[in-house]
Amino acid sequence: MTVEELPTAAVTTRHLSVVHDRETVDLPAARRAIADLLVALGKDPASEHLADTPRRVANAYAELLNPREFQLTTFPNDEGYDELVLAKRIPFSSLCEHHMLPFHGFAHVGYLPGERILGLSKLARVVELFARDLQVQERLTKQVADWLQEHLAPRGVGVVIEAEHLCMSLRGVQATGSRTVTSALHGLVREDRGTRQEFFALTGIQA
């Protein structure tokens, strides 16, 4: 991704333009591949019901694998706010890279402000930035935490993700309703026992 800081000499708000750097989905190739898959599964892609399925599926994957660009907006922490800021239950969906089936759930993202505070909607944008990819939950959790620590420079970051994986609930063990929980912590959220406990208590996760 490309991150560019705009000039801020006359203003106190800062904007970081966030653009992902993934390869663009080759839609014609994806449509051909999906048609071939239908044939391999014993289906007729020329039938009336399936004739447009390759296009629809290719477009769906293109949407699921491409996050929207956004501006990471920060403001000076003029009041010196030094307690946790937490956005709970940010909904997300992603694609398991092992079976290409969705996993979905909620992310809880918090940080201890340093010199700057963040526009709250951007916490959800960062989750989407990494969720719209072929993923594993462990990597997704760490990517969100690492990115915020690097670009916001807070005194600490905490990310908890809880999700249901369709590759686990629809196939194999078929453990419908089972949820996987992962966490990634930086700075005082990791190092200070009281802050760590407060973060997990606010998320509703027992530490």
Protein backbone atom coordinates (compact mmCIF):
# COMPACT_ATOMS: atom_id res chain seq x y z
CA MET A 1 0.00 0.00 0.00
CA THR A 2 1.08 3.61 -0.51
CA VAL A 3 0.82 6.04 2.38
CA GLU A 4 1.34 9.75 1.68
CA GLU A 5 1.18 12.46 4.31
CA LEU A 6 -0.32 15.71 3.09
CA PRO A 7 1.15 19.11 4.07
CA THR A 8 -0.08 20.27 7.47
CA ALA A 9 1.64 23.64 8.02
CA ALA A 10 -1.63 25.57 8.18
CA VAL A 11 -3.89 22.91 9.68
CA THR A 12 -3.86 20.55 12.60
CA THR A 13 -5.78 17.72 10.95
CA ARG A 14 -3.61 15.20 9.14
CA HIS A 15 -4.70 12.92 6.34
CA LEU A 16 -2.86 9.81 5.22
CA SER A 17 -4.02 8.53 1.84
CA VAL A 18 -4.18 4.74 2.05
CA VAL A 19 -4.06 2.80 -1.21
CA HIS A 20 -3.67 -0.98 -1.31
CA ASP A 21 -1.00 -2.41 -3.61
CA ARG A 22 -2.54 -5.78 -4.52
CA GLU A 23 -2.80 -7.12 -8.02
CA THR A 24 -6.06 -6.28 -9.79
CA VAL A 25 -8.35 -9.27 -10.32
CA ASP A 26 -8.24 -10.45 -13.95
CA LEU A 27 -12.01 -10.70 -14.46
CA PRO A 28 -12.00 -12.44 -17.89
CA ALA A 29 -9.56 -15.07 -16.61
CA ALA A 30 -11.60 -15.50 -13.42
CA ARG A 31 -14.81 -16.01 -15.42
CA ARG A 32 -13.13 -18.68 -17.56
CA ALA A 33 -11.77 -20.43 -14.49
CA ILE A 34 -15.17 -20.45 -12.79
CA ALA A 35 -16.80 -21.88 -15.92
CA ASP A 36 -14.14 -24.62 -15.97
CA LEU A 37 -14.79 -25.32 -12.28
CA LEU A 38 -18.52 -25.71 -12.95
CA VAL A 39 -17.73 -28.25 -15.67
CA ALA A 40 -15.35 -30.09 -13.32
CA LEU A 41 -18.15 -30.24 -10.73
CA GLY A 42 -20.46 -31.85 -13.25
CA LYS A 43 -22.48 -28.72 -14.00
CA ASP A 44 -23.31 -27.13 -17.33
CA PRO A 45 -22.26 -23.43 -17.38
CA ALA A 46 -24.27 -22.96 -20.56
CA SER A 47 -27.56 -23.83 -18.85
CA GLU A 48 -30.09 -21.10 -18.33
CA HIS A 49 -29.57 -21.09 -14.55
CA LEU A 50 -25.76 -20.99 -14.66
CA ALA A 51 -25.11 -18.94 -17.79
CA ASP A 52 -24.30 -15.77 -15.84
CA THR A 53 -22.76 -17.46 -12.79
CA PRO A 54 -19.11 -17.09 -13.90
CA ARG A 55 -19.54 -13.33 -14.25
CA ARG A 56 -21.34 -12.97 -10.93
CA VAL A 57 -18.83 -15.09 -9.02
CA ALA A 58 -15.83 -13.31 -10.58
CA ASN A 59 -17.31 -9.92 -9.65
CA ALA A 60 -18.04 -11.12 -6.12
CA TYR A 61 -14.45 -12.26 -5.59
CA ALA A 62 -13.14 -9.01 -7.03
CA GLU A 63 -15.20 -7.12 -4.45
CA LEU A 64 -14.16 -9.39 -1.57
CA LEU A 65 -10.46 -9.10 -2.42
CA ASN A 66 -10.22 -5.33 -2.98
CA PRO A 67 -10.57 -2.91 -0.04
CA ARG A 68 -11.70 0.63 -0.62
CA GLU A 69 -9.17 3.43 -0.51
CA PHE A 70 -9.54 5.83 2.40
CA GLN A 71 -7.95 8.72 4.26
CA LEU A 72 -6.52 8.00 7.70
CA THR A 73 -7.56 11.19 9.49
CA THR A 74 -5.86 12.15 12.75
CA PHE A 75 -6.20 15.15 15.05
CA PRO A 76 -3.95 16.62 17.74
CA ASN A 77 -4.63 15.24 21.20
CA ASP A 78 -5.00 18.75 22.67
CA GLU A 79 -6.78 17.58 25.81
CA GLY A 80 -4.09 15.02 26.57
CA TYR A 81 -6.61 12.17 26.65
CA ASP A 82 -4.69 9.17 27.99
CA GLU A 83 -7.30 6.44 28.45
CA LEU A 84 -8.27 3.63 26.10
CA VAL A 85 -10.27 4.38 22.97
CA LEU A 86 -12.10 1.26 21.83
CA ALA A 87 -14.34 0.53 18.86
CA LYS A 88 -16.27 -2.66 19.67
CA ARG A 89 -17.93 -5.17 17.39
CA ILE A 90 -16.70 -3.85 14.06
CA PRO A 91 -18.31 -6.29 11.61
CA PHE A 92 -16.08 -7.82 8.97
CA SER A 93 -15.89 -10.69 6.52
CA SER A 94 -12.88 -12.25 4.87
CA LEU A 95 -11.91 -15.29 2.81
CA CYS A 96 -10.03 -18.24 4.28
CA GLU A 97 -6.97 -18.78 2.10
CA HIS A 98 -7.10 -22.55 2.67
CA HIS A 99 -10.61 -23.24 1.37
CA MET A 100 -11.67 -19.85 -0.09
CA LEU A 101 -14.75 -19.95 2.11
CA PRO A 102 -15.77 -16.90 4.14
CA PHE A 103 -15.08 -16.29 7.78
CA HIS A 104 -16.91 -13.46 9.46
CA GLY A 105 -17.45 -11.89 12.83
CA PHE A 106 -16.41 -8.85 14.83
CA ALA A 107 -13.20 -6.97 15.52
CA HIS A 108 -12.58 -5.00 18.72
CA VAL A 109 -9.89 -2.39 18.10
CA GLY A 110 -8.50 -0.10 20.78
CA TYR A 111 -5.55 2.20 21.33
CA LEU A 112 -3.98 4.45 23.95
CA PRO A 113 -3.55 7.87 22.31
CA GLY A 114 -0.18 9.52 22.09
CA GLU A 115 0.17 12.95 20.52
CA ARG A 116 -2.67 12.36 18.08
CA ILE A 117 -6.14 10.81 18.08
CA LEU A 118 -7.83 9.01 15.22
CA GLY A 119 -11.11 9.55 13.38
CA LEU A 120 -13.11 6.62 14.78
CA SER A 121 -14.50 5.37 11.47
CA LYS A 122 -10.92 4.76 10.36
CA LEU A 123 -10.58 1.87 12.81
CA ALA A 124 -13.21 0.04 10.79
CA ARG A 125 -11.49 1.07 7.56
CA VAL A 126 -8.20 -0.47 8.70
CA VAL A 127 -9.98 -3.73 9.55
CA GLU A 128 -11.48 -3.78 6.05
CA LEU A 129 -8.11 -2.95 4.49
CA PHE A 130 -6.70 -6.29 5.62
CA ALA A 131 -9.90 -8.35 5.77
CA ARG A 132 -10.55 -8.01 2.04
CA ASP A 133 -7.92 -10.53 1.05
CA LEU A 134 -7.22 -14.25 1.21
CA GLN A 135 -6.50 -14.49 4.92
CA VAL A 136 -6.00 -16.46 8.08
CA GLN A 137 -7.42 -14.92 11.23
CA GLU A 138 -4.11 -14.87 13.08
CA ARG A 139 -2.42 -12.82 10.34
CA LEU A 140 -5.40 -10.48 9.99
CA THR A 141 -5.34 -9.68 13.71
CA LYS A 142 -1.63 -8.92 13.71
CA GLN A 143 -1.76 -6.85 10.52
CA VAL A 144 -4.40 -4.51 11.95
CA ALA A 145 -2.48 -4.03 15.20
CA ASP A 146 0.91 -3.59 13.50
CA TRP A 147 -0.47 -1.08 10.99
CA LEU A 148 -2.07 1.11 13.66
CA GLN A 149 1.06 1.00 15.82
CA GLU A 150 3.20 2.08 12.88
CA HIS A 151 0.99 4.82 11.41
CA LEU A 152 -0.69 6.28 14.50
CA ALA A 153 2.24 6.01 16.95
CA PRO A 154 0.00 5.46 20.00
CA ARG A 155 1.21 4.41 23.43
CA GLY A 156 -0.44 1.04 22.88
CA VAL A 157 -2.75 -0.92 20.59
CA GLY A 158 -5.05 -3.87 21.20
CA VAL A 159 -6.97 -5.90 18.62
CA VAL A 160 -9.28 -8.83 19.30
CA ILE A 161 -11.05 -10.66 16.50
CA GLU A 162 -13.75 -13.27 17.02
CA ALA A 163 -15.09 -15.04 13.96
CA GLU A 164 -16.97 -18.05 12.65
CA HIS A 165 -15.21 -19.91 9.85
CA LEU A 166 -17.46 -21.56 7.28
CA CYS A 167 -14.66 -23.99 6.42
CA MET A 168 -15.17 -25.28 9.97
CA SER A 169 -18.95 -24.97 10.29
CA LEU A 170 -20.12 -26.09 6.82
CA ARG A 171 -17.63 -28.89 6.15
CA GLY A 172 -15.26 -31.19 7.98
CA VAL A 173 -16.13 -31.17 11.68
CA GLN A 174 -19.26 -29.06 10.97
CA ALA A 175 -18.94 -27.18 14.25
CA THR A 176 -21.74 -24.72 13.55
CA GLY A 177 -21.63 -21.66 15.79
CA SER A 178 -18.06 -22.21 16.97
CA ARG A 179 -16.08 -18.99 17.11
CA THR A 180 -12.33 -18.47 17.00
CA VAL A 181 -10.78 -15.65 19.06
CA THR A 182 -7.38 -14.08 18.36
CA SER A 183 -5.61 -11.07 19.82
CA ALA A 184 -2.61 -8.84 19.09
CA LEU A 185 -1.25 -6.27 21.55
CA HIS A 186 1.41 -3.56 21.42
CA GLY A 187 2.94 -1.10 23.87
CA LEU A 188 1.25 -0.51 27.20
CA VAL A 189 -1.74 -2.65 26.24
CA ARG A 190 0.66 -5.57 26.17
CA GLU A 191 3.16 -4.56 28.84
CA ASP A 192 1.00 -3.00 31.58
CA ARG A 193 -1.08 -5.61 33.39
CA GLY A 194 -3.83 -3.18 34.42
CA THR A 195 -4.21 -1.71 30.93
CA ARG A 196 -4.22 -5.17 29.41
CA GLN A 197 -6.97 -6.33 31.79
CA GLU A 198 -9.00 -3.18 31.15
CA PHE A 199 -8.77 -3.68 27.39
CA PHE A 200 -9.98 -7.28 27.53
CA ALA A 201 -12.72 -6.35 30.01
CA LEU A 202 -14.00 -3.65 27.67
CA THR A 203 -14.05 -6.07 24.75
CA GLY A 204 -15.98 -8.60 26.83
CA ILE A 205 -13.20 -11.18 26.47
CA GLN A 206 -11.93 -12.87 29.63
CA ALA A 207 -8.15 -12.34 29.84
